[in-house]
């Protein structure tokens, strides 16, 4: 492994980050915390946190679980945190990795920092930004070199191990072993299996975070595992040659809705038509969607679980037509039996387009036609999801989503305090963020 990777990982300081990089690190952190608060209310999160408490007990090092407060091992805290965020599919992502950097690197960094008693806010924000750069490149490298489409966990393990090496202050040799261990043991889980059969395994981010944290501690103890070929391979060297020069944190997209990104182009197209023509769902006979193949594969029409609702194209598109938005409550268990939503979801015609297939993954495009009961047909323009990096969401949009998702869970006062604590990272103020986000989510009145 060349010196560029290790130098960037260990030597990058807060003052080395361009101000816009710092701003985007705060932005994605705020969004991740909001999604984590919402995700903490799911059955998936409750199960994994209880599992971590019973099976990942703290030994020599300990860390609290995100929005839980119970103390477990750092690996257990990373596992629980990553899966809690992933439980509500509304976190940032990257088109070409077809996955999500922040969902893994944030809880892994949080767990390692707590376990090692590192509380400096500037360092936390710097390490988070470094994690986005390494994680994005590791994802691109794995997609280039592996034939199967693996979940985020497969490559986020490398970034989490790297951050663990930074927190532990490992030298270049042991850092190399850490990322090699993580790459070797990372969960090479098949994403399309979960698309076809949605369950709680989802995108593997928590498992990758757990693997990365474990790899860092193993390397610190002398365990070997190098090389990590997604970092050291000649066929991926170009991806690492510009690290610290080209900032890929800007390439992440923002998700306004808690469903798979592949479902969001037709969802947005329906919202656009609904608003433009001042429509209500009772005027619509059926919805016809033309999209790309991966979106077509999100084929659950009548979801029985929130995981099936999040990995569906027809259901959230129908929700958008009926309710005018899609938020956490709209994919919760209690919303899955709405007869009007099910009417439109079951009757929806979904087909794929060769042109849209050719544009994927760089562009995710769909268009919809609303066939109205009065005989009219209204067709949208080719539409991409909101929040792509080419047309980024405003900071105000991100803040409004954060408050909408977090406040019902942890209350307005704590929600505001977390936002202020994130804004203060790097300013020299005391870092109050860990205690605010690691305490239990006890309800909106606390």
Protein backbone atom coordinates (compact mmCIF):
# COMPACT_ATOMS: atom_id res chain seq x y z
CA UNK A 1 0.00 0.00 0.00
CA UNK A 2 1.40 3.37 -0.97
CA UNK A 3 1.90 6.19 1.46
CA UNK A 4 -0.96 8.28 0.04
CA UNK A 5 -3.69 6.25 1.73
CA UNK A 6 -2.03 6.05 5.14
CA UNK A 7 -0.91 9.67 5.10
CA UNK A 8 -4.39 10.87 4.18
CA UNK A 9 -6.00 8.67 6.81
CA UNK A 10 -3.72 9.57 9.71
CA UNK A 11 -2.41 13.04 8.90
CA UNK A 12 -5.50 14.91 7.70
CA UNK A 13 -6.44 17.57 10.24
CA UNK A 14 -9.46 19.82 10.63
CA UNK A 15 -7.57 22.77 9.14
CA UNK A 16 -6.77 20.67 6.04
CA UNK A 17 -10.46 20.31 5.17
CA UNK A 18 -11.94 22.91 2.83
CA UNK A 19 -14.77 24.75 4.56
CA UNK A 20 -17.30 23.29 2.15
CA UNK A 21 -16.15 19.77 3.06
CA UNK A 22 -16.71 20.57 6.73
CA UNK A 23 -20.17 21.92 5.89
CA UNK A 24 -21.12 18.77 3.99
CA UNK A 25 -19.80 16.57 6.81
CA UNK A 26 -22.09 18.43 9.23
CA UNK A 27 -24.96 18.15 6.75
CA UNK A 28 -24.70 14.38 6.34
CA UNK A 29 -24.18 13.94 10.08
CA UNK A 30 -27.36 15.87 10.86
CA UNK A 31 -29.29 13.80 8.34
CA UNK A 32 -27.91 10.52 9.70
CA UNK A 33 -28.88 11.43 13.26
CA UNK A 34 -32.42 12.25 12.17
CA UNK A 35 -32.73 8.94 10.34
CA UNK A 36 -31.30 7.12 13.36
CA UNK A 37 -33.89 8.70 15.65
CA UNK A 38 -36.69 7.57 13.34
CA UNK A 39 -35.10 4.16 12.83
CA UNK A 40 -34.86 3.58 16.58
CA UNK A 41 -38.63 3.11 16.63
CA UNK A 42 -38.61 0.12 14.28
CA UNK A 43 -38.76 -3.53 15.22
CA UNK A 44 -35.45 -4.09 13.42
CA UNK A 45 -33.67 -1.59 15.66
CA UNK A 46 -35.18 -2.94 18.86
CA UNK A 47 -34.17 -6.50 17.97
CA UNK A 48 -30.59 -5.64 17.00
CA UNK A 49 -30.04 -3.46 20.07
CA UNK A 50 -31.32 -6.20 22.36
CA UNK A 51 -29.13 -8.67 20.50
CA UNK A 52 -26.06 -6.49 20.93
CA UNK A 53 -26.82 -6.08 24.63
CA UNK A 54 -27.07 -9.84 25.14
CA UNK A 55 -24.39 -11.06 22.71
CA UNK A 56 -21.84 -8.21 22.43
CA UNK A 57 -21.18 -7.42 26.07
CA UNK A 58 -18.50 -4.90 26.90
CA UNK A 59 -15.08 -6.25 27.83
CA UNK A 60 -12.01 -4.07 28.21
CA UNK A 61 -13.57 -1.36 26.03
CA UNK A 62 -17.18 -0.22 25.97
CA UNK A 63 -19.47 2.11 24.05
CA UNK A 64 -23.09 3.13 24.35
CA UNK A 65 -25.55 2.29 21.60
CA UNK A 66 -27.07 5.04 19.48
CA UNK A 67 -30.35 6.35 20.98
CA UNK A 68 -30.29 3.50 23.48
CA UNK A 69 -27.79 4.23 26.26
CA UNK A 70 -26.90 0.65 27.09
CA UNK A 71 -23.19 -0.17 27.12
CA UNK A 72 -21.82 -2.89 24.84
CA UNK A 73 -18.56 -3.61 23.04
CA UNK A 74 -17.47 -1.11 20.37
CA UNK A 75 -18.19 -3.69 17.68
CA UNK A 76 -21.65 -4.25 19.12
CA UNK A 77 -22.37 -0.52 19.24
CA UNK A 78 -21.28 -0.14 15.61
CA UNK A 79 -23.49 -3.06 14.60
CA UNK A 80 -26.54 -1.70 16.41
CA UNK A 81 -26.00 1.87 15.21
CA UNK A 82 -25.53 0.94 11.57
CA UNK A 83 -28.61 -1.27 11.52
CA UNK A 84 -30.69 1.32 13.36
CA UNK A 85 -29.92 3.89 10.67
CA UNK A 86 -30.45 1.32 7.92
CA UNK A 87 -33.80 0.37 9.46
CA UNK A 88 -35.31 3.51 7.94
CA UNK A 89 -34.08 3.79 4.37
CA UNK A 90 -33.67 7.56 4.33
CA UNK A 91 -29.91 8.13 4.65
CA UNK A 92 -27.40 9.53 2.16
CA UNK A 93 -26.10 7.42 -0.69
CA UNK A 94 -23.89 7.38 -3.75
CA UNK A 95 -25.01 6.55 -7.27
CA UNK A 96 -22.00 4.62 -8.51
CA UNK A 97 -21.35 2.64 -5.34
CA UNK A 98 -25.08 1.84 -5.29
CA UNK A 99 -24.81 2.08 -1.52
CA UNK A 100 -24.46 4.29 1.53
CA UNK A 101 -21.25 5.54 3.16
CA UNK A 102 -22.55 7.43 6.19
CA UNK A 103 -24.73 4.62 7.50
CA UNK A 104 -21.62 2.61 8.37
CA UNK A 105 -18.82 5.09 9.01
CA UNK A 106 -20.77 7.29 11.43
CA UNK A 107 -21.76 4.60 13.99
CA UNK A 108 -18.36 2.91 13.71
CA UNK A 109 -16.53 6.18 14.35
CA UNK A 110 -18.93 7.04 17.16
CA UNK A 111 -18.38 3.68 18.86
CA UNK A 112 -14.60 3.78 18.53
CA UNK A 113 -14.41 7.38 19.73
CA UNK A 114 -16.47 6.60 22.81
CA UNK A 115 -14.53 3.42 23.58
CA UNK A 116 -11.21 5.25 23.33
CA UNK A 117 -12.46 8.37 25.17
CA UNK A 118 -11.84 10.68 22.23
CA UNK A 119 -14.19 13.64 22.62
CA UNK A 120 -12.69 16.37 20.43
CA UNK A 121 -15.39 17.68 18.09
CA UNK A 122 -13.01 18.89 15.39
CA UNK A 123 -11.34 15.49 15.24
CA UNK A 124 -14.71 13.71 15.03
CA UNK A 125 -15.85 15.84 12.11
CA UNK A 126 -12.49 15.44 10.36
CA UNK A 127 -12.52 11.67 10.75
CA UNK A 128 -16.09 11.52 9.46
CA UNK A 129 -15.08 13.43 6.31
CA UNK A 130 -12.08 11.12 5.87
CA UNK A 131 -14.42 8.15 6.20
CA UNK A 132 -16.63 9.41 3.38
CA UNK A 133 -13.59 9.69 1.09
CA UNK A 134 -12.29 6.21 1.87
CA UNK A 135 -15.71 4.58 1.92
CA UNK A 136 -16.78 5.97 -1.45
CA UNK A 137 -13.56 4.86 -3.11
CA UNK A 138 -13.70 1.40 -1.50
CA UNK A 139 -17.22 0.97 -2.87
CA UNK A 140 -16.22 2.03 -6.36
CA UNK A 141 -13.22 -0.31 -6.22
CA UNK A 142 -15.28 -3.33 -5.17
CA UNK A 143 -17.87 -2.75 -7.87
CA UNK A 144 -15.08 -2.52 -10.43
CA UNK A 145 -13.34 -5.71 -9.33
CA UNK A 146 -16.14 -8.06 -8.16
CA UNK A 147 -18.71 -9.57 -10.50
CA UNK A 148 -21.57 -9.77 -7.99
CA UNK A 149 -23.48 -6.78 -6.65
CA UNK A 150 -22.62 -6.72 -2.97
CA UNK A 151 -24.32 -4.70 -0.25
CA UNK A 152 -22.77 -1.64 1.33
CA UNK A 153 -21.47 -3.75 4.20
CA UNK A 154 -19.00 -5.46 1.87
CA UNK A 155 -16.98 -2.31 1.28
CA UNK A 156 -17.89 -0.05 4.19
CA UNK A 157 -15.96 -2.47 6.41
CA UNK A 158 -12.73 -1.15 4.85
CA UNK A 159 -13.59 2.46 5.69
CA UNK A 160 -14.64 1.57 9.23
CA UNK A 161 -11.40 -0.33 9.83
CA UNK A 162 -9.46 2.65 8.52
CA UNK A 163 -11.23 4.99 10.92
CA UNK A 164 -10.59 2.52 13.71
CA UNK A 165 -6.89 2.61 12.84
CA UNK A 166 -7.01 6.41 13.01
CA UNK A 167 -8.72 6.42 16.39
CA UNK A 168 -6.26 3.85 17.77
CA UNK A 169 -3.25 5.60 16.25
CA UNK A 170 -2.03 2.49 14.41
CA UNK A 171 1.11 2.79 12.34
CA UNK A 172 1.08 2.28 8.57
CA UNK A 173 1.87 -1.43 8.86
CA UNK A 174 -0.94 -2.22 11.26
CA UNK A 175 -3.30 0.05 9.37
CA UNK A 176 -2.61 -2.06 6.29
CA UNK A 177 -3.43 -5.21 8.24
CA UNK A 178 -6.64 -3.68 9.60
CA UNK A 179 -8.11 -2.81 6.22
CA UNK A 180 -7.00 -6.18 4.85
CA UNK A 181 -8.80 -8.01 7.66
CA UNK A 182 -11.90 -5.93 7.13
CA UNK A 183 -11.96 -6.47 3.37
CA UNK A 184 -11.50 -10.23 3.80
CA UNK A 185 -14.17 -10.58 6.49
CA UNK A 186 -16.56 -7.95 5.13
CA UNK A 187 -20.06 -9.29 4.44
CA UNK A 188 -20.15 -10.09 0.72
CA UNK A 189 -23.93 -10.24 0.86
CA UNK A 190 -25.98 -10.12 -2.34
CA UNK A 191 -28.01 -6.92 -2.63
CA UNK A 192 -30.47 -8.17 -5.22
CA UNK A 193 -31.47 -11.06 -2.96
CA UNK A 194 -32.75 -8.52 -0.44
CA UNK A 195 -34.40 -6.55 -3.24
CA UNK A 196 -36.30 -9.65 -4.34
CA UNK A 197 -37.01 -10.84 -0.79
CA UNK A 198 -37.02 -7.81 1.54
CA UNK A 199 -36.18 -8.62 5.15
CA UNK A 200 -34.28 -7.08 8.02
CA UNK A 201 -30.86 -7.98 6.60
CA UNK A 202 -31.16 -4.95 4.29
CA UNK A 203 -27.93 -3.31 3.07
CA UNK A 204 -25.46 -4.95 5.46
CA UNK A 205 -24.14 -1.61 6.74
CA UNK A 206 -24.24 -2.54 10.41
CA UNK A 207 -22.47 -5.82 9.79
CA UNK A 208 -19.79 -4.02 7.80
CA UNK A 209 -19.34 -1.45 10.57
CA UNK A 210 -19.00 -4.22 13.14
CA UNK A 211 -16.45 -6.02 10.95
CA UNK A 212 -14.41 -2.86 10.49
CA UNK A 213 -14.28 -2.05 14.19
CA UNK A 214 -13.28 -5.63 15.00
CA UNK A 215 -10.60 -5.54 12.31
CA UNK A 216 -9.01 -2.42 13.78
CA UNK A 217 -8.78 -3.95 17.25
CA UNK A 218 -7.48 -7.23 15.83
CA UNK A 219 -4.75 -5.42 13.92
CA UNK A 220 -3.80 -3.49 17.04
CA UNK A 221 -3.26 -6.85 18.75
CA UNK A 222 -1.05 -8.15 15.94
CA UNK A 223 -3.58 -10.05 13.82
CA UNK A 224 -2.65 -9.97 10.13
CA UNK A 225 -4.78 -9.78 7.00
CA UNK A 226 -3.15 -7.62 4.35
CA UNK A 227 -3.45 -6.80 1.55
CA UNK A 228 -6.78 -5.12 0.88
CA UNK A 229 -6.90 -5.48 -2.89
CA UNK A 230 -9.61 -2.84 -3.26
CA UNK A 231 -7.01 -0.37 -1.96
CA UNK A 232 -3.74 -1.83 -3.21
CA UNK A 233 -4.70 -3.36 -6.54
CA UNK A 234 -3.15 -1.85 -9.67
CA UNK A 235 -6.56 -1.92 -11.35
CA UNK A 236 -7.99 0.51 -8.77
CA UNK A 237 -4.98 2.75 -8.21
CA UNK A 238 -6.60 5.63 -10.06
CA UNK A 239 -9.40 5.73 -7.47
CA UNK A 240 -6.90 6.40 -4.69
CA UNK A 241 -4.48 8.69 -6.52
CA UNK A 242 -6.63 11.78 -5.95
CA UNK A 243 -7.61 11.15 -2.32
CA UNK A 244 -7.45 14.45 -0.44
CA UNK A 245 -7.62 16.34 -3.73
CA UNK A 246 -10.97 15.32 -5.17
CA UNK A 247 -13.61 15.33 -2.43
CA UNK A 248 -16.20 12.65 -3.02
CA UNK A 249 -18.28 13.70 -0.03
CA UNK A 250 -19.94 16.10 -2.49
CA UNK A 251 -21.07 13.14 -4.64
CA UNK A 252 -23.49 11.77 -2.06
CA UNK A 253 -27.21 12.16 -2.67
CA UNK A 254 -29.88 13.19 -0.17
CA UNK A 255 -33.02 11.11 0.31
CA UNK A 256 -36.21 13.00 1.19
CA UNK A 257 -38.20 9.77 1.62
CA UNK A 258 -37.51 6.59 3.65
CA UNK A 259 -37.64 4.14 0.74
CA UNK A 260 -35.12 2.65 -1.65
CA UNK A 261 -33.57 5.25 -3.95
CA UNK A 262 -34.65 3.22 -6.97
CA UNK A 263 -38.31 3.82 -6.05
CA UNK A 264 -37.93 7.57 -5.70
CA UNK A 265 -37.94 8.73 -9.37
CA UNK A 266 -41.53 7.54 -10.01
CA UNK A 267 -42.52 8.72 -6.54
CA UNK A 268 -41.26 12.20 -7.36
CA UNK A 269 -42.95 12.15 -10.78
CA UNK A 270 -46.30 11.38 -9.12
CA UNK A 271 -45.84 14.18 -6.60
CA UNK A 272 -45.04 16.60 -9.44
CA UNK A 273 -48.15 15.63 -11.43
CA UNK A 274 -50.34 15.66 -8.32
CA UNK A 275 -49.28 19.21 -7.47
CA UNK A 276 -49.28 20.56 -11.02
CA UNK A 277 -52.82 19.40 -11.73
CA UNK A 278 -54.20 19.74 -8.18
CA UNK A 279 -55.25 16.09 -8.12
CA UNK A 280 -56.52 13.75 -5.42
CA UNK A 281 -56.19 10.00 -5.55
CA UNK A 282 -59.92 9.39 -6.03
CA UNK A 283 -59.59 10.96 -9.47
CA UNK A 284 -57.02 8.35 -10.54
CA UNK A 285 -58.03 5.04 -12.10
CA UNK A 286 -54.49 3.68 -12.21
CA UNK A 287 -50.82 4.66 -12.33
CA UNK A 288 -48.46 3.47 -15.05
CA UNK A 289 -44.71 3.59 -14.34
CA UNK A 290 -41.89 3.30 -16.86
CA UNK A 291 -38.58 2.89 -15.08
CA UNK A 292 -35.24 1.02 -15.06
CA UNK A 293 -34.79 -2.67 -14.33
CA UNK A 294 -33.58 -2.36 -10.75
CA UNK A 295 -36.63 -0.26 -9.87
CA UNK A 296 -38.86 -2.87 -11.51
CA UNK A 297 -37.32 -5.50 -9.22
CA UNK A 298 -38.76 -3.67 -6.19
CA UNK A 299 -41.88 -5.71 -6.82
CA UNK A 300 -43.78 -5.95 -3.53
CA UNK A 301 -47.32 -4.62 -4.14
CA UNK A 302 -48.96 -5.27 -0.76
CA UNK A 303 -46.22 -5.06 1.88
CA UNK A 304 -46.70 -6.82 5.19
CA UNK A 305 -43.67 -5.27 6.88
CA UNK A 306 -41.91 -1.92 6.84
CA UNK A 307 -38.94 -3.58 5.10
CA UNK A 308 -41.20 -4.70 2.24
CA UNK A 309 -42.72 -1.20 2.06
CA UNK A 310 -39.25 0.38 1.84
CA UNK A 311 -38.15 -2.03 -0.91
CA UNK A 312 -41.15 -1.47 -3.15
CA UNK A 313 -41.72 0.80 -6.14
CA UNK A 314 -45.49 0.58 -6.38
CA UNK A 315 -46.38 1.03 -2.70
CA UNK A 316 -44.57 4.33 -1.96
CA UNK A 317 -45.61 5.68 -5.37
CA UNK A 318 -49.21 4.96 -4.40
CA UNK A 319 -48.62 6.57 -0.98
CA UNK A 320 -47.37 9.70 -2.74
CA UNK A 321 -50.53 9.89 -4.82
CA UNK A 322 -52.84 9.36 -1.85
CA UNK A 323 -51.07 11.37 0.86
CA UNK A 324 -48.95 13.89 -1.03
CA UNK A 325 -45.73 12.83 0.68
CA UNK A 326 -43.92 9.74 1.95
CA UNK A 327 -42.43 9.90 5.44
CA UNK A 328 -41.58 7.46 8.24
CA UNK A 329 -45.18 7.04 9.34
CA UNK A 330 -46.20 6.13 5.78
CA UNK A 331 -44.02 3.01 5.74
CA UNK A 332 -44.73 2.01 9.34
CA UNK A 333 -46.72 -1.11 10.11
CA UNK A 334 -49.95 0.79 10.76
CA UNK A 335 -49.98 2.39 7.30
CA UNK A 336 -49.76 -0.81 5.28
CA UNK A 337 -53.48 -1.58 5.20
CA UNK A 338 -54.79 1.69 3.76
CA UNK A 339 -57.33 0.52 1.13
CA UNK A 340 -56.84 3.48 -1.21
CA UNK A 341 -53.07 3.05 -1.23
CA UNK A 342 -53.43 -0.68 -1.84
CA UNK A 343 -55.90 -0.08 -4.68
CA UNK A 344 -53.37 2.02 -6.56
CA UNK A 345 -50.41 -0.17 -5.64
CA UNK A 346 -52.04 -3.42 -6.75
CA UNK A 347 -53.31 -1.97 -10.04
CA UNK A 348 -50.08 -0.17 -10.95
CA UNK A 349 -48.47 -1.13 -14.25
CA UNK A 350 -44.66 -1.07 -14.04
CA UNK A 351 -42.48 -1.58 -17.12
CA UNK A 352 -38.82 -1.00 -17.87
CA UNK A 353 -37.21 1.16 -20.53
CA UNK A 354 -34.07 0.25 -22.47
CA UNK A 355 -33.04 3.90 -22.42
CA UNK A 356 -33.46 4.17 -18.67
CA UNK A 357 -31.59 0.89 -18.20
CA UNK A 358 -28.69 2.23 -20.23
CA UNK A 359 -28.54 5.38 -18.10
CA UNK A 360 -28.30 3.42 -14.81
CA UNK A 361 -26.54 3.78 -12.36
CA UNK A 362 -25.27 7.24 -13.23
CA UNK A 363 -28.85 8.36 -13.75
CA UNK A 364 -31.97 6.78 -12.25
CA UNK A 365 -34.85 7.87 -14.46
CA UNK A 366 -38.56 7.10 -14.60
CA UNK A 367 -41.73 8.64 -15.91
CA UNK A 368 -45.33 8.01 -14.92
CA UNK A 369 -48.74 8.32 -16.49
CA UNK A 370 -51.84 8.93 -14.42
CA UNK A 371 -54.90 7.43 -16.07
CA UNK A 372 -57.81 9.43 -14.67
CA UNK A 373 -61.38 8.25 -14.20
CA UNK A 374 -62.61 10.99 -16.56
CA UNK A 375 -60.56 9.47 -19.41
CA UNK A 376 -57.61 11.84 -19.37
CA UNK A 377 -54.01 10.61 -19.33
CA UNK A 378 -51.40 12.83 -17.68
CA UNK A 379 -47.76 11.93 -18.31
CA UNK A 380 -44.73 13.30 -16.49
CA UNK A 381 -41.39 14.24 -17.96
CA UNK A 382 -38.48 11.80 -17.48
CA UNK A 383 -37.77 12.31 -13.79
CA UNK A 384 -34.92 11.64 -11.37
CA UNK A 385 -35.12 11.55 -7.59
CA UNK A 386 -34.84 14.72 -5.54
CA UNK A 387 -31.52 15.47 -3.88
CA UNK A 388 -29.04 14.17 -6.44
CA UNK A 389 -25.60 15.81 -6.15
CA UNK A 390 -26.06 17.57 -9.49
CA UNK A 391 -29.07 19.40 -8.01
CA UNK A 392 -28.39 19.13 -4.28
CA UNK A 393 -31.00 19.65 -1.63
CA UNK A 394 -30.65 22.86 0.32
CA UNK A 395 -29.42 22.83 3.88
CA UNK A 396 -32.89 24.08 4.83
CA UNK A 397 -34.43 20.96 3.25
CA UNK A 398 -32.06 18.75 5.24
CA UNK A 399 -32.83 20.59 8.48
CA UNK A 400 -36.59 20.39 7.94
CA UNK A 401 -36.38 16.65 7.34
CA UNK A 402 -34.18 16.22 10.42
CA UNK A 403 -36.66 18.04 12.65
CA UNK A 404 -39.64 16.21 11.13
CA UNK A 405 -38.09 12.78 11.72
CA UNK A 406 -36.36 13.37 15.07
CA UNK A 407 -38.77 15.58 17.02
CA UNK A 408 -41.61 13.03 17.32
CA UNK A 409 -39.13 10.56 18.78
CA UNK A 410 -36.88 12.61 21.11
CA UNK A 411 -38.76 15.87 21.56
CA UNK A 412 -38.24 19.38 20.24
CA UNK A 413 -35.72 20.52 22.86
CA UNK A 414 -33.32 17.60 22.40
CA UNK A 415 -33.72 17.73 18.62
CA UNK A 416 -32.67 21.40 18.66
CA UNK A 417 -29.78 20.73 21.05
CA UNK A 418 -28.39 18.03 18.75
CA UNK A 419 -28.55 20.36 15.77
CA UNK A 420 -26.67 23.06 17.69
CA UNK A 421 -24.07 20.53 18.85
CA UNK A 422 -23.41 19.42 15.27
CA UNK A 423 -23.06 23.04 14.13
CA UNK A 424 -20.54 23.59 16.94
CA UNK A 425 -18.22 20.72 15.95
CA UNK A 426 -14.83 22.21 15.19
CA UNK A 427 -15.50 25.60 16.74
CA UNK A 428 -13.67 24.88 19.98
CA UNK A 429 -16.86 24.54 22.01
CA UNK A 430 -17.33 21.54 24.27
CA UNK A 431 -18.53 18.50 22.32
CA UNK A 432 -21.97 17.73 23.78
CA UNK A 433 -23.07 15.60 20.83
CA UNK A 434 -22.23 12.10 22.14
CA UNK A 435 -24.35 12.35 25.28
CA UNK A 436 -27.25 13.80 23.28
CA UNK A 437 -27.36 11.00 20.71
CA UNK A 438 -26.31 8.07 22.88
CA UNK A 439 -28.95 8.58 25.58
CA UNK A 440 -32.14 6.53 25.16
CA UNK A 441 -34.86 7.80 22.84
CA UNK A 442 -37.46 8.07 25.55
CA UNK A 443 -40.20 9.96 23.73
CA UNK A 444 -41.14 13.44 22.55
CA UNK A 445 -41.75 14.94 25.99
CA UNK A 446 -38.29 14.28 27.42
